[in-house]
């Protein structure tokens, strides 16, 4: 087929033909190097041309004919061998035979892409000046990576949706006008509504009247970019039962930073709140029982102390009579009694004296809890010094070295704390009397927090730690009356006084190597 003679062409067509004949190399180079895959077919659907880009994409070879006439079809017309383009691979071509074809997508497998690639094709019909269809120009674009990315995004979106739907917290999103745009499964189950009942409806439709102002303020803060956590937020389920939640809210912005809505995450606190209420109720009941039991114990203790005081006081008179009559008998009738009778009288008097001492101990012990507690600053160092001087005046013949720490001041009842030190220092004085060079020490050690641990230490007789639990029992003694006198209530008195001050008392010792007694005040622990 030869090109038309210039004389037979209209002026415009003649000019176009001359331009195309003059620029065939340029046009061919443009087609060969286009970034898109390009193919040209004639009106019968036969392939005339395909650039390298299109060949690589669809896996179809170029025709072997050389371009000899470029005027009939935009400079590309191959009169020789033509390769038909399969219509199942390139369906846009068939559509171009008589009508315009929309943009289409193909999935092509070939030797270059055995796994296949996604392509987008477009075709444009080419007609002459009389409207006769000459063929079409087709473009092919590789959109495989785009489609892979879109598929990955869809998978991510599906995975995200699965995560959101399986979350054990309620998720609720609204648009800028407060209309519901999404609710997950957990939230619908929590509130008893279906998703269809909630989507598109205003958020406030599901909020109690008492909380609506709070929600409106929250949305206003979210629109300014702030986040907020709403504690103890109450809802009503669809069936009317209350539900308590903790709500974490955050704003949603578009790519331009504009506020387009908000998201809230709801944690159901109803069971936890019910459990906390039950615990509070149990604690209140326990406290009430403790108060009642404490009052009962205090009443019983007061009754026992009153009884002990009354009994001890009433026993004084008959004991005094026994003591006085046995004394009169020994003085007035001594010449009428033999040695055995006088020994009996002596024993009676000793026992009555011992009974009197026990009664004095009971009375002293009962007074510890009966006396009014007056708290003030007490200089324990000065009290210890006064007691040590009193002991030395009582037995000036003894050699005892007192080591007393200075500056020990604490809060407490001065009379009761003096009684503590009188008992502890008095015991130390008593149990060191066999020592030619006795040593008694009063001092303090660091305690927990800001408290202190006070101690009284001696180098006297000591005691066996096996019997430590008996130290502070009433009438419990670790030595016989013949070894060391006493009534067994001194350390019991110490413990009661220390407890009234919120402290503890304990002792340590070794037989023949002395003993140390410790006490704390005001919640210090050993």
Protein backbone atom coordinates (compact mmCIF):
# COMPACT_ATOMS: atom_id res chain seq x y z
CA UNK A 1 0.00 0.00 0.00
CA UNK A 2 1.45 3.41 -0.99
CA UNK A 3 0.92 6.80 0.47
CA UNK A 4 -1.64 9.12 -1.27
CA UNK A 5 -0.31 11.63 -3.69
CA UNK A 6 -0.01 15.11 -2.23
CA UNK A 7 -2.04 16.51 -5.10
CA UNK A 8 -5.09 14.42 -4.12
CA UNK A 9 -5.11 15.43 -0.42
CA UNK A 10 -6.97 18.40 1.02
CA UNK A 11 -4.83 21.29 2.15
CA UNK A 12 -4.99 20.39 5.91
CA UNK A 13 -4.41 16.69 5.28
CA UNK A 14 -1.57 17.53 2.90
CA UNK A 15 0.09 19.62 5.58
CA UNK A 16 -0.37 16.83 8.19
CA UNK A 17 1.01 14.24 5.80
CA UNK A 18 4.06 16.35 4.99
CA UNK A 19 4.66 16.91 8.74
CA UNK A 20 4.36 13.18 9.51
CA UNK A 21 6.63 12.16 6.62
CA UNK A 22 9.22 14.69 7.73
CA UNK A 23 9.14 13.60 11.42
CA UNK A 24 8.81 9.82 11.23
CA UNK A 25 12.02 9.22 13.26
CA UNK A 26 10.86 11.59 15.97
CA UNK A 27 7.40 10.03 16.21
CA UNK A 28 8.85 6.53 16.26
CA UNK A 29 11.30 7.50 18.99
CA UNK A 30 8.49 9.02 21.05
CA UNK A 31 6.44 5.82 20.80
CA UNK A 32 9.39 3.51 21.48
CA UNK A 33 10.48 5.43 24.58
CA UNK A 34 7.11 6.27 26.06
CA UNK A 35 6.78 5.50 29.81
CA UNK A 36 3.45 3.83 29.11
CA UNK A 37 2.99 0.63 27.21
CA UNK A 38 1.54 1.53 23.83
CA UNK A 39 0.07 -0.61 21.05
CA UNK A 40 -1.61 0.19 17.75
CA UNK A 41 -4.15 -2.03 16.04
CA UNK A 42 -6.11 -1.55 12.85
CA UNK A 43 -9.85 -1.59 12.46
CA UNK A 44 -9.82 -5.40 12.17
CA UNK A 45 -8.14 -5.81 15.53
CA UNK A 46 -4.79 -6.79 14.07
CA UNK A 47 -1.69 -5.62 15.83
CA UNK A 48 0.33 -3.04 13.95
CA UNK A 49 2.76 -1.86 16.60
CA UNK A 50 3.73 -2.42 20.21
CA UNK A 51 6.52 -0.64 22.08
CA UNK A 52 8.93 -2.43 24.40
CA UNK A 53 7.13 -1.29 27.53
CA UNK A 54 3.88 -2.90 26.36
CA UNK A 55 5.71 -6.05 25.29
CA UNK A 56 7.21 -6.50 28.76
CA UNK A 57 3.89 -5.89 30.45
CA UNK A 58 1.62 -8.16 28.40
CA UNK A 59 4.25 -10.59 27.12
CA UNK A 60 3.47 -10.11 23.38
CA UNK A 61 6.15 -9.62 20.70
CA UNK A 62 6.46 -6.80 18.19
CA UNK A 63 5.69 -7.41 14.45
CA UNK A 64 8.63 -7.89 12.10
CA UNK A 65 7.41 -5.40 9.46
CA UNK A 66 9.28 -2.13 9.07
CA UNK A 67 7.49 1.23 8.99
CA UNK A 68 7.28 2.32 5.33
CA UNK A 69 4.22 4.47 5.38
CA UNK A 70 3.42 6.60 8.41
CA UNK A 71 0.70 8.77 6.95
CA UNK A 72 -2.34 6.53 7.19
CA UNK A 73 -2.34 5.88 10.93
CA UNK A 74 -0.40 8.63 12.68
CA UNK A 75 2.85 7.57 11.05
CA UNK A 76 2.72 3.90 12.12
CA UNK A 77 1.32 1.47 9.57
CA UNK A 78 2.79 -1.94 8.93
CA UNK A 79 1.65 -3.40 5.55
CA UNK A 80 3.29 -6.76 6.06
CA UNK A 81 2.84 -9.54 8.63
CA UNK A 82 0.20 -8.71 11.24
CA UNK A 83 -0.26 -10.46 14.58
CA UNK A 84 -3.89 -10.67 15.77
CA UNK A 85 -4.32 -9.43 19.33
CA UNK A 86 -6.22 -12.03 21.46
CA UNK A 87 -9.49 -10.50 22.48
CA UNK A 88 -9.58 -12.40 25.80
CA UNK A 89 -6.29 -10.76 26.77
CA UNK A 90 -7.08 -7.32 25.47
CA UNK A 91 -10.89 -6.94 25.56
CA UNK A 92 -10.75 -3.16 25.05
CA UNK A 93 -9.82 -3.68 21.38
CA UNK A 94 -13.08 -5.45 20.49
CA UNK A 95 -15.08 -2.69 22.18
CA UNK A 96 -13.28 -0.11 20.02
CA UNK A 97 -14.49 -1.68 16.81
CA UNK A 98 -17.74 0.13 17.07
CA UNK A 99 -17.99 2.08 20.36
CA UNK A 100 -15.94 3.82 22.98
CA UNK A 101 -14.45 1.54 25.64
CA UNK A 102 -14.01 2.53 29.28
CA UNK A 103 -10.77 2.08 31.13
CA UNK A 104 -10.28 -1.58 32.11
CA UNK A 105 -8.04 -3.65 34.31
CA UNK A 106 -6.41 -6.97 33.39
CA UNK A 107 -4.51 -9.62 35.27
CA UNK A 108 -1.88 -11.04 32.94
CA UNK A 109 0.46 -14.03 33.39
CA UNK A 110 3.40 -14.49 31.02
CA UNK A 111 7.01 -15.65 30.94
CA UNK A 112 8.19 -12.37 32.40
CA UNK A 113 5.58 -12.43 35.18
CA UNK A 114 4.65 -16.05 35.93
CA UNK A 115 2.78 -14.99 39.06
CA UNK A 116 0.82 -12.44 37.08
CA UNK A 117 0.53 -8.66 37.18
CA UNK A 118 -2.31 -6.16 37.39
CA UNK A 119 -2.52 -3.85 34.35
CA UNK A 120 -4.75 -0.91 33.50
CA UNK A 121 -5.64 -0.47 29.78
CA UNK A 122 -7.20 2.37 27.89
CA UNK A 123 -8.00 2.65 24.17
CA UNK A 124 -8.66 5.58 21.90
CA UNK A 125 -10.26 5.17 18.47
CA UNK A 126 -8.53 6.79 15.48
CA UNK A 127 -10.70 7.96 12.58
CA UNK A 128 -10.02 9.80 9.36
CA UNK A 129 -11.51 13.13 8.36
CA UNK A 130 -14.68 11.42 7.10
CA UNK A 131 -15.09 9.56 10.41
CA UNK A 132 -14.04 6.22 9.07
CA UNK A 133 -12.50 4.00 11.80
CA UNK A 134 -8.85 3.37 11.03
CA UNK A 135 -7.89 1.59 14.24
CA UNK A 136 -7.02 2.48 17.83
CA UNK A 137 -4.15 3.40 20.07
CA UNK A 138 -4.04 1.46 23.33
CA UNK A 139 -2.11 2.35 26.45
CA UNK A 140 -1.04 -0.11 29.12
CA UNK A 141 0.03 0.88 32.65
CA UNK A 142 1.51 -1.34 35.36
CA UNK A 143 -0.63 -0.97 38.51
CA UNK A 144 0.54 -4.17 40.15
CA UNK A 145 2.36 -2.52 43.07
CA UNK A 146 -0.57 -0.17 43.58
CA UNK A 147 -2.97 -3.08 43.72
CA UNK A 148 -0.63 -5.00 46.07
CA UNK A 149 -0.47 -1.99 48.34
CA UNK A 150 -4.26 -1.66 48.21
CA UNK A 151 -4.65 -5.36 48.99
CA UNK A 152 -2.21 -5.02 51.89
CA UNK A 153 -4.15 -2.02 53.13
CA UNK A 154 -7.41 -3.97 52.87
CA UNK A 155 -5.83 -6.82 54.82
CA UNK A 156 -4.61 -4.36 57.42
CA UNK A 157 -8.06 -2.82 57.59
CA UNK A 158 -9.64 -6.26 57.98
CA UNK A 159 -7.13 -7.20 60.66
CA UNK A 160 -7.71 -3.90 62.40
CA UNK A 161 -11.46 -4.44 62.25
CA UNK A 162 -11.05 -7.97 63.64
CA UNK A 163 -8.93 -6.60 66.49
CA UNK A 164 -11.41 -3.83 67.20
CA UNK A 165 -14.36 -6.21 67.05
CA UNK A 166 -12.69 -8.71 69.37
CA UNK A 167 -11.52 -6.06 71.86
CA UNK A 168 -12.75 -6.53 75.41
CA UNK A 169 -13.51 -2.82 75.66
CA UNK A 170 -16.29 -0.87 74.05
CA UNK A 171 -15.27 1.41 71.16
CA UNK A 172 -17.51 4.23 69.96
CA UNK A 173 -16.75 6.84 67.28
CA UNK A 174 -18.78 9.91 66.35
CA UNK A 175 -18.42 12.60 63.70
CA UNK A 176 -17.95 16.31 64.36
CA UNK A 177 -21.73 16.71 64.86
CA UNK A 178 -21.82 13.96 67.47
CA UNK A 179 -23.52 11.33 65.30
CA UNK A 180 -22.50 7.72 65.78
CA UNK A 181 -20.24 6.43 63.00
CA UNK A 182 -19.03 3.15 64.51
CA UNK A 183 -19.60 0.89 67.50
CA UNK A 184 -17.85 -2.43 68.07
CA UNK A 185 -19.49 -5.67 69.16
CA UNK A 186 -18.43 -5.37 72.80
CA UNK A 187 -20.08 -1.95 73.16
CA UNK A 188 -23.35 -3.13 71.66
CA UNK A 189 -23.37 -6.08 74.05
CA UNK A 190 -22.51 -3.77 76.93
CA UNK A 191 -25.41 -1.40 76.21
CA UNK A 192 -27.85 -4.00 74.89
CA UNK A 193 -28.40 -2.21 71.54
CA UNK A 194 -27.66 -3.47 68.03
CA UNK A 195 -25.21 -1.63 65.80
CA UNK A 196 -28.06 -0.73 63.40
CA UNK A 197 -29.93 0.91 66.30
CA UNK A 198 -26.94 3.09 67.12
CA UNK A 199 -25.31 4.01 63.79
CA UNK A 200 -26.26 7.47 62.55
CA UNK A 201 -27.97 8.46 65.79
CA UNK A 202 -26.73 11.31 68.00
CA UNK A 203 -24.49 10.28 70.85
CA UNK A 204 -26.66 12.16 73.35
CA UNK A 205 -29.61 9.83 72.58
CA UNK A 206 -27.84 7.18 74.62
CA UNK A 207 -26.63 9.44 77.47
CA UNK A 208 -28.52 9.96 80.70
CA UNK A 209 -29.93 13.43 81.18
CA UNK A 210 -27.75 13.96 84.25
CA UNK A 211 -24.58 13.29 82.21
CA UNK A 212 -25.36 15.16 78.99
CA UNK A 213 -23.79 18.44 80.08
CA UNK A 214 -20.65 16.53 81.02
CA UNK A 215 -20.52 14.89 77.57
CA UNK A 216 -21.07 18.21 75.74
CA UNK A 217 -18.19 19.78 77.66
CA UNK A 218 -16.03 16.76 76.84
CA UNK A 219 -16.74 17.07 73.09
CA UNK A 220 -15.88 20.77 73.23
CA UNK A 221 -12.52 19.95 74.80
CA UNK A 222 -11.93 17.21 72.22
CA UNK A 223 -12.58 19.69 69.40
CA UNK A 224 -9.71 21.76 70.86
CA UNK A 225 -7.40 18.75 70.69
CA UNK A 226 -7.60 17.74 74.36
CA UNK A 227 -8.07 14.22 75.70
CA UNK A 228 -9.96 13.25 78.83
CA UNK A 229 -10.81 10.27 81.01
CA UNK A 230 -14.30 10.18 82.53
CA UNK A 231 -14.41 8.19 85.75
CA UNK A 232 -17.56 6.52 87.10
CA UNK A 233 -19.65 7.30 84.01
CA UNK A 234 -23.12 5.82 84.26
CA UNK A 235 -25.18 4.39 81.38
CA UNK A 236 -28.52 2.65 81.27
CA UNK A 237 -28.74 -0.51 79.21
CA UNK A 238 -31.60 -0.91 76.81
CA UNK A 239 -33.40 -3.01 79.45
CA UNK A 240 -32.97 -0.22 82.01
CA UNK A 241 -30.25 -1.79 84.18
CA UNK A 242 -27.44 0.61 85.18
CA UNK A 243 -23.87 0.10 84.02
CA UNK A 244 -20.78 1.94 85.30
CA UNK A 245 -17.84 2.63 83.02
CA UNK A 246 -14.51 4.41 82.74
CA UNK A 247 -14.38 6.35 79.44
CA UNK A 248 -11.15 7.34 77.68
CA UNK A 249 -11.81 9.90 74.94
CA UNK A 250 -9.58 11.30 72.18
CA UNK A 251 -10.16 13.53 69.13
CA UNK A 252 -9.98 12.39 65.48
CA UNK A 253 -8.39 14.71 62.89
CA UNK A 254 -8.10 14.46 59.13
CA UNK A 255 -4.85 14.80 57.19
CA UNK A 256 -5.17 18.56 57.33
CA UNK A 257 -5.46 18.56 61.11
CA UNK A 258 -9.16 19.42 61.11
CA UNK A 259 -11.39 17.97 63.82
CA UNK A 260 -13.71 15.42 62.21
CA UNK A 261 -14.93 13.47 65.22
CA UNK A 262 -13.96 11.63 68.37
CA UNK A 263 -13.33 8.13 69.66
CA UNK A 264 -14.13 6.76 73.11
CA UNK A 265 -13.09 3.52 74.75
CA UNK A 266 -15.38 2.15 77.46
CA UNK A 267 -14.29 -0.15 80.28
CA UNK A 268 -17.13 -1.85 82.12
CA UNK A 269 -16.60 -1.25 85.84
CA UNK A 270 -19.98 -2.52 87.02
CA UNK A 271 -18.76 -5.78 88.55
CA UNK A 272 -15.71 -4.14 90.04
CA UNK A 273 -17.84 -1.36 91.48
CA UNK A 274 -20.25 -3.92 92.95
CA UNK A 275 -17.31 -5.84 94.45
CA UNK A 276 -15.88 -2.64 95.94
CA UNK A 277 -19.28 -1.80 97.42
CA UNK A 278 -19.47 -5.28 98.91
CA UNK A 279 -15.98 -4.91 100.37
CA UNK A 280 -16.91 -1.54 101.86
CA UNK A 281 -20.04 -3.06 103.34
CA UNK A 282 -18.06 -5.96 104.80
CA UNK A 283 -15.46 -3.57 106.20
CA UNK A 284 -18.15 -1.41 107.74
CA UNK A 285 -19.76 -4.49 109.27
CA UNK A 286 -16.37 -5.69 110.51
CA UNK A 287 -15.59 -2.29 112.02
CA UNK A 288 -18.98 -2.24 113.70
CA UNK A 289 -18.37 -5.68 115.18
CA UNK A 290 -14.88 -4.67 116.28
CA UNK A 291 -16.26 -1.58 117.98
CA UNK A 292 -18.94 -3.65 119.70
CA UNK A 293 -16.47 -6.34 120.70
CA UNK A 294 -13.95 -3.78 121.91
CA UNK A 295 -16.62 -2.07 123.96
CA UNK A 296 -17.60 -5.43 125.44
CA UNK A 297 -13.99 -6.29 126.24
CA UNK A 298 -13.36 -2.87 127.74
CA UNK A 299 -16.48 -3.24 129.87
CA UNK A 300 -15.41 -6.73 130.97
CA UNK A 301 -11.90 -5.51 131.74
CA UNK A 302 -13.26 -2.62 133.77
CA UNK A 303 -15.53 -5.00 135.63
CA UNK A 304 -12.63 -7.38 136.32
CA UNK A 305 -10.35 -4.57 137.40
CA UNK A 306 -13.06 -3.16 139.65
CA UNK A 307 -13.65 -6.62 141.09
CA UNK A 308 -9.91 -7.20 141.62
CA UNK A 309 -9.52 -3.81 143.21
CA UNK A 310 -12.50 -4.40 145.47
CA UNK A 311 -11.34 -7.87 146.48
CA UNK A 312 -7.78 -6.73 147.08
CA UNK A 313 -8.96 -3.77 149.10
CA UNK A 314 -11.34 -5.87 151.17
CA UNK A 315 -8.62 -8.43 151.90
CA UNK A 316 -6.43 -5.83 153.57
CA UNK A 317 -8.50 -5.69 156.79
CA UNK A 318 -8.49 -9.45 157.60
CA UNK A 319 -4.83 -9.69 156.64
CA UNK A 320 -4.03 -6.81 158.93
CA UNK A 321 -5.89 -8.54 161.74
CA UNK A 322 -4.01 -11.81 161.16
CA UNK A 323 -0.71 -9.99 161.15
CA UNK A 324 -1.52 -7.98 164.26
CA UNK A 325 -2.87 -10.92 166.29
CA UNK A 326 0.06 -13.17 165.40
CA UNK A 327 2.40 -10.37 166.46
CA UNK A 328 0.53 -9.93 169.76
CA UNK A 329 0.53 -13.69 170.31
CA UNK A 330 4.27 -13.91 169.76
CA UNK A 331 4.90 -10.97 172.11
CA UNK A 332 2.39 -11.74 174.88
CA UNK A 333 2.44 -15.51 174.88
CA UNK A 334 5.98 -16.29 173.83
CA UNK A 335 6.70 -17.93 177.19
CA UNK A 336 3.79 -20.30 176.73
CA UNK A 337 4.83 -21.50 173.22
CA UNK A 338 7.62 -23.86 172.39
CA UNK A 339 9.96 -23.39 169.48
CA UNK A 340 7.64 -25.18 167.08
CA UNK A 341 4.73 -22.87 167.98
CA UNK A 342 6.90 -19.79 167.60
CA UNK A 343 8.01 -21.08 164.19
CA UNK A 344 4.38 -21.49 163.17
CA UNK A 345 3.65 -17.90 164.18
CA UNK A 346 6.67 -16.71 162.22
CA UNK A 347 5.46 -18.52 159.13
CA UNK A 348 1.95 -17.12 159.49
CA UNK A 349 3.31 -13.60 159.71
CA UNK A 350 5.58 -14.14 156.65
CA UNK A 351 2.70 -15.50 154.61
CA UNK A 352 0.41 -12.64 155.57
CA UNK A 353 3.17 -10.20 154.67
CA UNK A 354 3.59 -11.95 151.30
CA UNK A 355 -0.17 -11.81 150.76
CA UNK A 356 -0.13 -8.11 151.53
CA UNK A 357 2.58 -7.54 148.94
CA UNK A 358 0.55 -9.44 146.33
CA UNK A 359 -2.49 -7.35 147.12
CA UNK A 360 -0.41 -4.20 146.74
CA UNK A 361 0.72 -5.50 143.34
CA UNK A 362 -2.86 -6.19 142.21
CA UNK A 363 -3.93 -2.71 143.29
CA UNK A 364 -0.97 -1.12 141.52
CA UNK A 365 -1.70 -3.10 138.33
CA UNK A 366 -5.38 -2.14 138.35
CA UNK A 367 -4.52 1.52 138.80
CA UNK A 368 -2.52 1.50 135.55
CA UNK A 369 -5.68 1.34 133.42
CA UNK A 370 -7.86 3.27 135.84
CA UNK A 371 -5.73 6.38 136.08
CA UNK A 372 -6.48 9.25 133.71
CA UNK A 373 -3.98 9.47 130.83
CA UNK A 374 -2.43 12.96 130.56
CA UNK A 375 -0.03 13.30 127.64
CA UNK A 376 2.81 15.79 127.84
CA UNK A 377 6.53 16.08 127.10
CA UNK A 378 8.41 13.88 129.56
CA UNK A 379 12.16 14.14 130.17
CA UNK A 380 12.93 10.45 130.57
CA UNK A 381 16.61 11.15 131.25
CA UNK A 382 15.71 13.36 134.23
CA UNK A 383 13.22 10.76 135.53
CA UNK A 384 15.86 8.01 135.31
CA UNK A 385 18.40 10.17 137.12
CA UNK A 386 15.92 10.90 139.94
CA UNK A 387 15.17 7.16 140.38
CA UNK A 388 18.88 6.24 140.38
CA UNK A 389 19.60 8.81 143.10
CA UNK A 390 16.69 7.46 145.16
CA UNK A 391 18.00 3.88 144.86
CA UNK A 392 21.50 4.94 145.91
CA UNK A 393 20.11 6.76 148.95
CA UNK A 394 18.20 3.63 149.88
CA UNK A 395 21.32 1.44 149.85
CA UNK A 396 24.34 3.74 149.99
CA UNK A 397 26.66 0.83 150.83
CA UNK A 398 26.33 -0.63 147.33
CA UNK A 399 28.71 0.18 144.48
CA UNK A 400 26.61 0.69 141.34
CA UNK A 401 27.62 2.72 138.27
CA UNK A 402 24.71 4.29 136.43
CA UNK A 403 25.15 5.26 132.76
CA UNK A 404 22.20 7.42 131.72
CA UNK A 405 21.78 8.93 128.25
CA UNK A 406 20.96 12.64 128.32
CA UNK A 407 18.30 14.47 126.33
CA UNK A 408 15.74 11.67 126.03
CA UNK A 409 12.39 13.48 125.82
CA UNK A 410 9.16 11.88 124.58
CA UNK A 411 5.40 12.35 124.72
CA UNK A 412 3.45 10.44 127.35
CA UNK A 413 1.93 10.38 130.83
CA UNK A 414 4.65 11.46 133.25
CA UNK A 415 3.40 9.41 136.24
CA UNK A 416 2.97 6.22 134.20
CA UNK A 417 6.34 6.56 132.45
CA UNK A 418 7.99 7.13 135.83
CA UNK A 419 6.40 3.89 137.02
CA UNK A 420 7.90 2.10 133.98
CA UNK A 421 11.40 3.30 134.79
CA UNK A 422 10.95 2.63 138.53
CA UNK A 423 10.13 -1.02 137.76
CA UNK A 424 12.88 -1.53 135.18
CA UNK A 425 15.63 0.32 137.08
CA UNK A 426 14.41 -1.22 140.36
CA UNK A 427 14.69 -4.72 138.86
CA UNK A 428 18.15 -3.93 137.53
CA UNK A 429 19.16 -2.70 141.04
CA UNK A 430 17.71 -5.84 142.64
CA UNK A 431 19.23 -8.39 140.25
CA UNK A 432 22.74 -6.84 140.40
CA UNK A 433 23.10 -6.91 144.16
CA UNK A 434 25.43 -9.92 144.00
CA UNK A 435 27.80 -8.00 141.75
CA UNK A 436 30.66 -6.23 143.50
CA UNK A 437 30.78 -3.67 140.67
CA UNK A 438 27.27 -3.40 139.28
CA UNK A 439 26.48 -1.46 136.14
CA UNK A 440 23.05 -0.18 135.07
CA UNK A 441 22.48 1.63 131.77
CA UNK A 442 19.52 3.56 130.37
CA UNK A 443 19.61 4.72 126.73
CA UNK A 444 17.99 4.55 123.31
CA UNK A 445 18.45 3.02 119.87
CA UNK A 446 17.13 4.21 116.49
CA UNK A 447 13.68 2.79 115.78
CA UNK A 448 11.40 2.65 112.74
CA UNK A 449 10.58 6.02 111.22
CA UNK A 450 11.18 8.82 113.71
CA UNK A 451 10.59 6.62 116.79
CA UNK A 452 13.13 5.34 119.29
CA UNK A 453 13.68 2.13 121.19
CA UNK A 454 14.50 2.68 124.86
CA UNK A 455 16.38 0.13 126.93
CA UNK A 456 17.52 -0.63 130.48
CA UNK A 457 20.58 -2.90 130.65
CA UNK A 458 22.34 -4.48 133.63
CA UNK A 459 25.12 -6.98 134.32
CA UNK A 460 23.16 -8.87 136.94
CA UNK A 461 21.73 -12.38 137.28
CA UNK A 462 20.07 -12.44 133.86
CA UNK A 463 17.55 -15.12 132.86
CA UNK A 464 17.11 -18.11 130.58
CA UNK A 465 15.62 -17.05 127.19
CA UNK A 466 13.63 -20.28 127.16
CA UNK A 467 11.27 -18.63 129.65
CA UNK A 468 11.06 -15.31 127.79
CA UNK A 469 7.29 -15.62 127.25
CA UNK A 470 6.72 -15.65 131.02
CA UNK A 471 8.49 -12.33 131.62
CA UNK A 472 5.45 -10.05 131.43
CA UNK A 473 2.83 -12.38 132.92
CA UNK A 474 1.09 -11.42 136.15
CA UNK A 475 2.65 -13.24 139.16
CA UNK A 476 5.12 -14.96 136.79
CA UNK A 477 8.63 -15.06 138.27
CA UNK A 478 11.84 -16.63 136.94
CA UNK A 479 13.57 -16.62 140.35
CA UNK A 480 12.47 -17.92 143.73
CA UNK A 481 11.47 -15.67 146.57
CA UNK A 482 14.53 -16.78 148.50
CA UNK A 483 16.83 -15.67 145.62
CA UNK A 484 15.19 -12.33 144.87
CA UNK A 485 12.12 -10.89 146.52
CA UNK A 486 9.21 -9.61 144.45
CA UNK A 487 5.52 -10.02 143.73
CA UNK A 488 5.60 -10.77 139.96
CA UNK A 489 3.60 -7.76 138.79
CA UNK A 490 6.37 -5.26 137.99
CA UNK A 491 6.98 -6.26 134.38
CA UNK A 492 3.25 -6.84 133.81
CA UNK A 493 2.74 -3.23 134.93
CA UNK A 494 5.46 -2.08 132.52
CA UNK A 495 3.81 -3.84 129.61
CA UNK A 496 0.38 -2.38 130.35
CA UNK A 497 1.74 1.16 130.57
CA UNK A 498 3.76 0.80 127.37
CA UNK A 499 0.71 -0.52 125.54
CA UNK A 500 -1.31 2.46 126.72
CA UNK A 501 1.33 4.56 124.99
CA UNK A 502 0.97 2.58 121.76
CA UNK A 503 4.25 0.70 122.14
CA UNK A 504 5.73 -2.71 122.87
CA UNK A 505 8.02 -4.18 125.52
CA UNK A 506 10.34 -7.18 125.35
CA UNK A 507 13.41 -8.53 127.07
CA UNK A 508 16.66 -10.37 126.35
CA UNK A 509 19.08 -11.99 128.75
CA UNK A 510 21.58 -14.72 129.53
CA UNK A 511 21.93 -16.48 132.84
CA UNK A 512 24.73 -14.88 134.87
CA UNK A 513 25.46 -12.25 132.20
CA UNK A 514 22.73 -9.70 132.76
CA UNK A 515 19.56 -8.66 131.00
CA UNK A 516 18.28 -5.90 128.72
CA UNK A 517 14.67 -4.75 128.63
CA UNK A 518 13.42 -2.70 125.66
CA UNK A 519 10.29 -0.64 125.17
CA UNK A 520 8.88 1.64 122.48
CA UNK A 521 6.24 4.34 122.49
CA UNK A 522 3.78 5.54 119.87
CA UNK A 523 3.46 2.63 117.44
CA UNK A 524 7.15 1.68 117.27
CA UNK A 525 7.57 -2.06 116.78
CA UNK A 526 10.25 -4.38 118.05
